[in-house]
N, C-alpha and C. Protein backbone atom coordinates (compact mmCIF):
# COMPACT_ATOMS: atom_id res chain seq x y z
N UNK A 1 0.76 -1.08 0.07
CA UNK A 1 -0.17 -0.02 0.04
C UNK A 1 0.97 1.27 -0.13
N UNK A 2 0.59 2.36 -0.90
CA UNK A 2 1.24 3.30 -0.93
C UNK A 2 0.67 4.36 -0.04
N UNK A 3 1.38 4.95 0.88
CA UNK A 3 0.86 6.08 1.81
C UNK A 3 1.84 7.45 1.55
N UNK A 4 0.80 8.35 0.89
CA UNK A 4 1.43 9.99 0.99
C UNK A 4 1.29 10.50 2.41
N UNK A 5 2.20 10.96 2.95
CA UNK A 5 2.13 11.98 4.23
C UNK A 5 2.48 13.43 4.03
N UNK A 6 1.73 14.06 4.59
CA UNK A 6 1.49 15.70 4.41
C UNK A 6 1.69 16.00 5.78
N UNK A 7 2.16 17.29 6.14
CA UNK A 7 2.33 17.84 7.54
C UNK A 7 1.89 19.18 7.37
N UNK A 8 1.01 20.07 8.24
CA UNK A 8 0.45 21.25 7.69
C UNK A 8 0.42 21.76 9.40
N UNK A 9 0.64 23.16 9.50
CA UNK A 9 0.48 23.58 10.87
C UNK A 9 -0.77 24.74 10.63
N UNK A 10 -1.82 24.23 11.32
CA UNK A 10 -3.01 25.04 11.10
C UNK A 10 -3.61 25.64 12.61
N UNK A 11 -3.78 26.88 12.61
CA UNK A 11 -4.13 27.55 13.60
C UNK A 11 -3.10 27.38 14.86
N UNK A 12 -1.90 27.19 14.65
CA UNK A 12 -0.96 26.73 15.65
C UNK A 12 -1.00 25.48 16.28
N UNK A 13 -1.60 24.51 15.40
CA UNK A 13 -1.56 23.04 15.76
C UNK A 13 -1.12 22.36 14.48
N UNK A 14 -0.07 21.10 14.82
CA UNK A 14 0.39 20.33 13.82
C UNK A 14 -0.79 19.48 13.58
N UNK A 15 -0.70 19.27 11.99
CA UNK A 15 -1.64 18.11 11.55
C UNK A 15 -0.90 17.09 10.67
N UNK A 16 -0.94 15.91 10.46
CA UNK A 16 -0.57 14.96 10.05
C UNK A 16 -1.53 14.24 9.34
N UNK A 17 -1.38 14.45 7.76
CA UNK A 17 -2.56 13.96 6.96
C UNK A 17 -1.98 12.63 6.05
N UNK A 18 -2.68 11.65 6.14
CA UNK A 18 -2.28 10.52 5.40
C UNK A 18 -3.15 10.28 4.01
N UNK A 19 -2.59 9.99 3.20
CA UNK A 19 -3.32 9.83 1.67
C UNK A 19 -3.10 8.28 1.12
N UNK A 20 -4.28 7.61 0.99
CA UNK A 20 -3.93 6.26 0.30
C UNK A 20 -5.00 6.24 -0.89
N UNK A 21 -4.58 5.29 -1.76
CA UNK A 21 -5.22 4.86 -2.80
C UNK A 21 -6.47 3.90 -2.58
N UNK A 22 -7.80 4.16 -2.92
CA UNK A 22 -8.83 3.51 -2.65
C UNK A 22 -9.71 3.38 -3.77
N UNK A 23 -9.42 2.41 -4.68
CA UNK A 23 -10.19 2.10 -5.93
C UNK A 23 -9.34 2.78 -7.04
N UNK A 24 -10.24 3.84 -7.56
CA UNK A 24 -9.51 4.79 -8.37
C UNK A 24 -9.14 6.29 -7.71
N UNK A 25 -9.35 6.58 -6.68
CA UNK A 25 -9.48 7.77 -6.16
C UNK A 25 -8.47 7.71 -4.79
N UNK A 26 -8.10 9.10 -4.36
CA UNK A 26 -7.21 9.00 -3.25
C UNK A 26 -7.75 9.46 -1.90
N UNK A 27 -7.72 8.92 -0.91
CA UNK A 27 -8.40 9.28 0.33
C UNK A 27 -7.40 9.94 1.31
N UNK A 28 -7.85 11.13 1.69
CA UNK A 28 -7.07 11.79 2.80
C UNK A 28 -7.91 11.81 4.19
N UNK A 29 -7.27 11.56 5.11
CA UNK A 29 -7.50 11.45 6.50
C UNK A 29 -6.42 12.07 7.51
N UNK A 30 -6.86 12.53 8.76
CA UNK A 30 -5.76 12.63 9.60
C UNK A 30 -4.94 11.39 10.15
N UNK A 31 -3.87 11.54 10.25
CA UNK A 31 -3.14 10.32 10.75
C UNK A 31 -3.64 10.02 12.31
N UNK A 32 -3.99 8.53 12.32
CA UNK A 32 -4.16 8.32 13.66
C UNK A 32 -3.11 8.22 14.56
N UNK A 33 -3.48 9.02 15.86
CA UNK A 33 -2.25 8.84 16.77
C UNK A 33 -3.04 8.61 18.26
N UNK A 34 -2.13 8.12 19.27
CA UNK A 34 -2.55 7.60 20.34
C UNK A 34 -3.50 8.59 21.10
N UNK A 35 -4.74 8.38 21.31
CA UNK A 35 -5.55 9.34 22.15
C UNK A 35 -6.16 10.31 21.09
N UNK A 36 -5.96 10.19 19.92
CA UNK A 36 -6.81 11.22 19.20
C UNK A 36 -8.10 10.55 18.54
N UNK A 37 -9.05 11.49 18.23
CA UNK A 37 -10.26 10.83 17.88
C UNK A 37 -10.19 10.70 16.48
N UNK A 38 -10.96 9.58 15.78
CA UNK A 38 -10.99 9.29 14.71
C UNK A 38 -12.14 9.47 13.69
N UNK A 39 -13.01 10.37 14.23
CA UNK A 39 -14.30 10.54 13.71
C UNK A 39 -14.50 11.63 12.64
N UNK A 40 -13.35 12.26 12.09
CA UNK A 40 -13.36 12.91 11.03
C UNK A 40 -13.49 12.30 9.85
N UNK A 41 -14.53 12.85 8.82
CA UNK A 41 -14.53 12.06 7.65
C UNK A 41 -13.45 12.10 6.73
N UNK A 42 -13.02 11.36 5.81
CA UNK A 42 -12.22 11.43 5.04
C UNK A 42 -12.48 12.20 3.73
N UNK A 43 -11.63 12.79 2.87
CA UNK A 43 -11.50 13.60 1.86
C UNK A 43 -11.22 13.10 0.67
N UNK A 44 -11.86 12.85 -0.42
CA UNK A 44 -11.40 12.21 -1.48
C UNK A 44 -11.07 13.25 -2.96
N UNK A 45 -10.01 12.84 -3.62
CA UNK A 45 -9.45 13.50 -4.72
C UNK A 45 -8.86 12.72 -5.83
N UNK A 46 -8.67 13.29 -7.02
CA UNK A 46 -7.97 12.24 -8.05
C UNK A 46 -6.75 12.41 -7.94
N UNK A 47 -5.93 13.05 -7.01
CA UNK A 47 -4.54 12.83 -7.05
C UNK A 47 -4.27 12.94 -5.49
N UNK A 48 -3.09 12.48 -4.85
CA UNK A 48 -2.76 12.51 -3.20
C UNK A 48 -2.74 14.09 -2.88
N UNK A 49 -2.27 15.24 -3.71
CA UNK A 49 -2.40 16.44 -3.50
C UNK A 49 -3.62 16.95 -3.32
N UNK A 50 -4.64 16.58 -4.31
CA UNK A 50 -5.87 17.26 -4.15
C UNK A 50 -6.64 16.83 -2.87
N UNK A 51 -6.61 15.56 -2.44
CA UNK A 51 -7.38 14.95 -1.41
C UNK A 51 -6.64 15.72 -0.24
N UNK A 52 -5.47 15.73 -0.07
CA UNK A 52 -4.71 16.25 1.08
C UNK A 52 -5.23 17.84 1.35
N UNK A 53 -5.38 18.68 0.06
CA UNK A 53 -5.68 19.94 0.04
C UNK A 53 -7.00 20.07 0.49
N UNK A 54 -8.07 19.47 -0.34
CA UNK A 54 -9.35 19.47 0.32
C UNK A 54 -9.48 19.42 1.78
N UNK A 55 -8.84 18.43 2.68
CA UNK A 55 -8.80 18.21 3.99
C UNK A 55 -8.32 19.21 4.79
N UNK A 56 -6.93 20.02 4.19
CA UNK A 56 -6.43 21.23 4.78
C UNK A 56 -7.40 22.23 4.89
N UNK A 57 -7.83 22.43 3.60
CA UNK A 57 -8.87 23.75 3.48
C UNK A 57 -10.06 23.50 4.50
N UNK A 58 -10.60 22.11 4.64
CA UNK A 58 -11.77 22.23 5.47
C UNK A 58 -11.06 22.44 7.05
N UNK A 59 -9.88 21.77 7.53
CA UNK A 59 -9.53 22.20 8.84
C UNK A 59 -9.26 23.75 9.06
N UNK A 60 -8.88 24.32 8.00
CA UNK A 60 -8.50 25.85 8.02
C UNK A 60 -9.94 26.50 8.13
N UNK A 61 -10.97 26.16 7.44
CA UNK A 61 -12.40 26.76 7.52
C UNK A 61 -12.77 26.41 8.89
N UNK A 62 -12.72 25.29 9.47
CA UNK A 62 -13.31 24.84 10.67
C UNK A 62 -12.55 25.65 11.85
N UNK A 63 -11.05 26.01 11.79
CA UNK A 63 -10.50 26.64 12.72
C UNK A 63 -10.93 28.21 12.58
N UNK A 64 -11.11 28.64 11.42
CA UNK A 64 -11.45 29.99 11.44
C UNK A 64 -12.87 30.42 11.82
N UNK A 65 -13.77 29.27 11.70
CA UNK A 65 -15.17 29.60 12.43
C UNK A 65 -15.27 29.35 13.89
N UNK A 66 -14.17 28.45 14.33
CA UNK A 66 -14.10 28.34 15.92
C UNK A 66 -13.54 29.36 16.57
N UNK A 67 -12.49 30.10 16.07
CA UNK A 67 -11.83 31.11 16.78
C UNK A 67 -12.65 32.31 17.21
N UNK A 68 -13.24 32.82 16.24
CA UNK A 68 -14.08 34.05 16.80
C UNK A 68 -15.23 33.60 18.05
N UNK A 69 -15.79 32.32 17.67
CA UNK A 69 -16.73 31.88 18.84
C UNK A 69 -16.03 31.84 20.27
N UNK A 70 -14.89 31.36 20.27
CA UNK A 70 -14.20 30.98 21.39
C UNK A 70 -13.61 32.25 21.95
N UNK A 71 -13.24 33.31 21.14
CA UNK A 71 -13.02 34.73 21.81
C UNK A 71 -14.18 35.28 22.39
N UNK A 72 -15.25 35.10 21.95
CA UNK A 72 -16.57 35.64 22.39
C UNK A 72 -16.86 35.34 23.74
N UNK A 73 -16.76 33.79 23.67
CA UNK A 73 -17.10 33.05 24.96
C UNK A 73 -16.12 33.44 26.05
N UNK A 74 -14.75 33.66 25.82
CA UNK A 74 -13.93 33.95 26.68
C UNK A 74 -14.11 35.41 27.11
N UNK A 75 -14.69 36.10 26.54
CA UNK A 75 -14.76 37.64 26.76
C UNK A 75 -15.87 37.75 27.67
N UNK A 76 -16.85 36.82 27.71
CA UNK A 76 -18.07 37.05 28.38
C UNK A 76 -18.03 36.31 29.69
N UNK A 77 -16.92 35.64 30.04
CA UNK A 77 -16.52 34.89 31.24
C UNK A 77 -16.31 35.81 32.43
């Protein structure tokens, strides 16, 4: 099995993405580490880079939506 690995720093947190071939497309998912949740859905692309990029963009979007809410919550405490 061929595994492509990508590392990104998103919102100050390191992420490791693994991409594997499934049928005729590539599946990107977060690398499973001890104590880490595995509930995040995989992202698919026609190339390893495309699949990893889709997951990376989703993580960036998720962090950008989370950050303003966390700031508002902390400010009201």
